[in-house]
Amino acid sequence: MTILAILIPVTLLMGIVGLGAFFWTLRSDQYEDLSGDAERILFDDDRPLPAKNARPPAKFKETTP
C-alpha cells in the first residue's frame, strides 16, 4: 500500500512534465508546417549527394589546335 503513496505522485509529476513539454512545443511553433514535410518527401531530387571524401571535379583547360 505504501508503494501507491510513491507511484501516484510520481505518475502525476510525469504527466505534468509531459503536458508542459507539449505546451512548450505549441508555443515554439513546432507544429506550424505539417503539410510541408508530408509533401517534401514526394519530390525527388535528381542530383546525387556528394560523398564525404570525394575530390572536387578537376578543372580542364580548353586547348585550341
N, C-alpha and C. Protein backbone atom coordinates (compact mmCIF):
# COMPACT_ATOMS: atom_id res chain seq x y z
N MET A 1 0.82 -1.20 0.00
CA MET A 1 0.00 0.00 0.00
C MET A 1 0.86 1.26 0.00
N THR A 2 2.04 1.17 0.61
CA THR A 2 2.89 2.36 0.63
C THR A 2 3.47 2.67 -0.75
N ILE A 3 3.52 1.65 -1.61
CA ILE A 3 4.03 1.89 -2.96
C ILE A 3 3.10 2.83 -3.73
N LEU A 4 1.81 2.79 -3.44
CA LEU A 4 0.87 3.70 -4.09
C LEU A 4 1.13 5.14 -3.68
N ALA A 5 1.61 5.34 -2.45
CA ALA A 5 1.93 6.69 -2.00
C ALA A 5 3.11 7.25 -2.78
N ILE A 6 3.92 6.39 -3.36
CA ILE A 6 5.05 6.85 -4.15
C ILE A 6 4.67 6.93 -5.63
N LEU A 7 3.97 5.92 -6.12
CA LEU A 7 3.67 5.85 -7.55
C LEU A 7 2.68 6.91 -8.02
N ILE A 8 1.69 7.23 -7.23
CA ILE A 8 0.69 8.22 -7.65
C ILE A 8 1.32 9.60 -7.82
N PRO A 9 2.09 10.12 -6.86
CA PRO A 9 2.72 11.43 -7.10
C PRO A 9 3.74 11.42 -8.25
N VAL A 10 4.48 10.31 -8.40
CA VAL A 10 5.44 10.23 -9.50
C VAL A 10 4.70 10.24 -10.83
N THR A 11 3.60 9.53 -10.94
CA THR A 11 2.81 9.50 -12.16
C THR A 11 2.22 10.87 -12.47
N LEU A 12 1.71 11.54 -11.46
CA LEU A 12 1.16 12.88 -11.67
C LEU A 12 2.25 13.86 -12.10
N LEU A 13 3.42 13.75 -11.50
CA LEU A 13 4.53 14.62 -11.87
C LEU A 13 4.97 14.38 -13.31
N MET A 14 5.04 13.11 -13.72
CA MET A 14 5.41 12.80 -15.10
C MET A 14 4.35 13.33 -16.08
N GLY A 15 3.09 13.25 -15.71
CA GLY A 15 2.02 13.78 -16.56
C GLY A 15 2.11 15.29 -16.70
N ILE A 16 2.42 15.98 -15.62
CA ILE A 16 2.55 17.43 -15.65
C ILE A 16 3.76 17.84 -16.50
N VAL A 17 4.87 17.11 -16.39
CA VAL A 17 6.05 17.40 -17.20
C VAL A 17 5.74 17.17 -18.68
N GLY A 18 5.05 16.09 -19.01
CA GLY A 18 4.68 15.81 -20.39
C GLY A 18 3.74 16.87 -20.95
N LEU A 19 2.78 17.29 -20.17
CA LEU A 19 1.85 18.33 -20.60
C LEU A 19 2.58 19.65 -20.78
N GLY A 20 3.51 19.95 -19.89
CA GLY A 20 4.31 21.17 -20.04
C GLY A 20 5.17 21.13 -21.29
N ALA A 21 5.74 19.97 -21.61
CA ALA A 21 6.55 19.85 -22.83
C ALA A 21 5.67 20.02 -24.07
N PHE A 22 4.46 19.50 -24.03
CA PHE A 22 3.54 19.66 -25.16
C PHE A 22 3.18 21.12 -25.37
N PHE A 23 2.86 21.84 -24.30
CA PHE A 23 2.53 23.25 -24.45
C PHE A 23 3.74 24.07 -24.88
N TRP A 24 4.95 23.67 -24.48
CA TRP A 24 6.16 24.35 -24.93
C TRP A 24 6.33 24.20 -26.44
N THR A 25 6.06 22.98 -26.96
CA THR A 25 6.19 22.79 -28.41
C THR A 25 5.13 23.58 -29.16
N LEU A 26 3.95 23.72 -28.59
CA LEU A 26 2.93 24.54 -29.24
C LEU A 26 3.35 26.00 -29.28
N ARG A 27 3.92 26.49 -28.20
CA ARG A 27 4.31 27.89 -28.11
C ARG A 27 5.50 28.20 -29.02
N SER A 28 6.38 27.22 -29.25
CA SER A 28 7.55 27.47 -30.09
C SER A 28 7.32 27.07 -31.55
N ASP A 29 6.07 26.94 -31.96
CA ASP A 29 5.67 26.70 -33.36
C ASP A 29 6.30 25.45 -33.95
N GLN A 30 6.33 24.36 -33.21
CA GLN A 30 6.86 23.11 -33.73
C GLN A 30 5.89 22.46 -34.72
N TYR A 31 4.61 22.79 -34.65
CA TYR A 31 3.60 22.16 -35.50
C TYR A 31 3.10 23.12 -36.57
N GLU A 32 3.91 24.08 -36.98
CA GLU A 32 3.45 25.11 -37.89
C GLU A 32 3.27 24.62 -39.32
N ASP A 33 4.20 23.82 -39.83
CA ASP A 33 4.17 23.40 -41.23
C ASP A 33 4.06 21.88 -41.31
N LEU A 34 2.88 21.35 -41.05
CA LEU A 34 2.70 19.90 -41.07
C LEU A 34 2.62 19.35 -42.48
N SER A 35 2.03 20.09 -43.41
CA SER A 35 1.89 19.57 -44.76
C SER A 35 3.18 19.69 -45.56
N GLY A 36 4.08 20.58 -45.18
CA GLY A 36 5.33 20.75 -45.91
C GLY A 36 6.19 19.50 -45.86
N ASP A 37 6.34 18.90 -44.68
CA ASP A 37 7.12 17.68 -44.57
C ASP A 37 6.47 16.53 -45.31
N ALA A 38 5.16 16.48 -45.29
CA ALA A 38 4.46 15.39 -45.97
C ALA A 38 4.61 15.49 -47.48
N GLU A 39 4.66 16.70 -48.02
CA GLU A 39 4.80 16.88 -49.46
C GLU A 39 6.25 16.84 -49.90
N ARG A 40 7.17 17.24 -49.04
CA ARG A 40 8.59 17.29 -49.41
C ARG A 40 9.14 15.91 -49.72
N ILE A 41 8.61 14.88 -49.10
CA ILE A 41 9.12 13.53 -49.33
C ILE A 41 8.72 13.02 -50.71
N LEU A 42 7.69 13.61 -51.32
CA LEU A 42 7.23 13.15 -52.62
C LEU A 42 8.10 13.65 -53.77
N PHE A 43 8.84 14.72 -53.57
CA PHE A 43 9.66 15.29 -54.63
C PHE A 43 11.02 14.62 -54.63
N ASP A 44 11.45 14.19 -55.83
CA ASP A 44 12.72 13.50 -55.96
C ASP A 44 13.77 14.49 -56.46
N ASP A 45 14.88 14.53 -55.77
CA ASP A 45 15.98 15.37 -56.19
C ASP A 45 16.90 14.54 -57.07
N ASP A 46 17.03 14.93 -58.33
CA ASP A 46 17.80 14.13 -59.29
C ASP A 46 19.30 14.23 -59.09
N ARG A 47 19.77 15.25 -58.40
CA ARG A 47 21.20 15.40 -58.19
C ARG A 47 21.63 14.52 -57.02
N PRO A 48 22.61 13.66 -57.23
CA PRO A 48 23.08 12.83 -56.12
C PRO A 48 23.88 13.66 -55.13
N LEU A 49 23.84 13.27 -53.88
CA LEU A 49 24.61 13.96 -52.86
C LEU A 49 26.08 13.61 -53.01
N PRO A 50 26.97 14.58 -52.80
CA PRO A 50 28.40 14.27 -52.92
C PRO A 50 28.85 13.40 -51.75
N ALA A 51 29.82 12.55 -52.04
CA ALA A 51 30.37 11.70 -50.99
C ALA A 51 31.19 12.56 -50.04
N LYS A 52 31.38 12.09 -48.82
CA LYS A 52 32.08 12.88 -47.81
C LYS A 52 33.54 13.11 -48.18
N ASN A 53 34.21 12.11 -48.73
CA ASN A 53 35.63 12.21 -49.03
C ASN A 53 35.90 12.37 -50.52
N ALA A 54 34.92 12.83 -51.26
CA ALA A 54 35.08 12.95 -52.71
C ALA A 54 35.90 14.18 -53.04
N ARG A 55 36.72 14.06 -54.07
CA ARG A 55 37.50 15.19 -54.54
C ARG A 55 36.61 16.08 -55.40
N PRO A 56 36.88 17.37 -55.40
CA PRO A 56 36.11 18.23 -56.30
C PRO A 56 36.50 17.92 -57.73
N PRO A 57 35.64 18.15 -58.69
CA PRO A 57 35.97 17.84 -60.09
C PRO A 57 37.15 18.68 -60.56
N ALA A 58 38.02 18.04 -61.34
CA ALA A 58 39.21 18.74 -61.86
C ALA A 58 38.77 19.72 -62.94
N LYS A 59 39.45 20.86 -62.97
CA LYS A 59 39.12 21.87 -63.98
C LYS A 59 40.04 21.63 -65.18
N PHE A 60 39.43 21.42 -66.32
CA PHE A 60 40.18 21.17 -67.54
C PHE A 60 40.33 22.48 -68.31
N LYS A 61 41.51 22.70 -68.82
CA LYS A 61 41.74 23.87 -69.66
C LYS A 61 41.39 23.51 -71.09
N GLU A 62 40.72 24.41 -71.75
CA GLU A 62 40.38 24.18 -73.15
C GLU A 62 41.61 24.51 -73.99
N THR A 63 41.95 23.59 -74.81
CA THR A 63 43.08 23.82 -75.71
C THR A 63 42.54 23.94 -77.13
N THR A 64 43.04 24.91 -77.84
CA THR A 64 42.64 25.08 -79.23
C THR A 64 43.77 24.62 -80.13
N PRO A 65 43.48 23.81 -81.13
CA PRO A 65 44.55 23.32 -82.02
C PRO A 65 45.07 24.35 -82.97
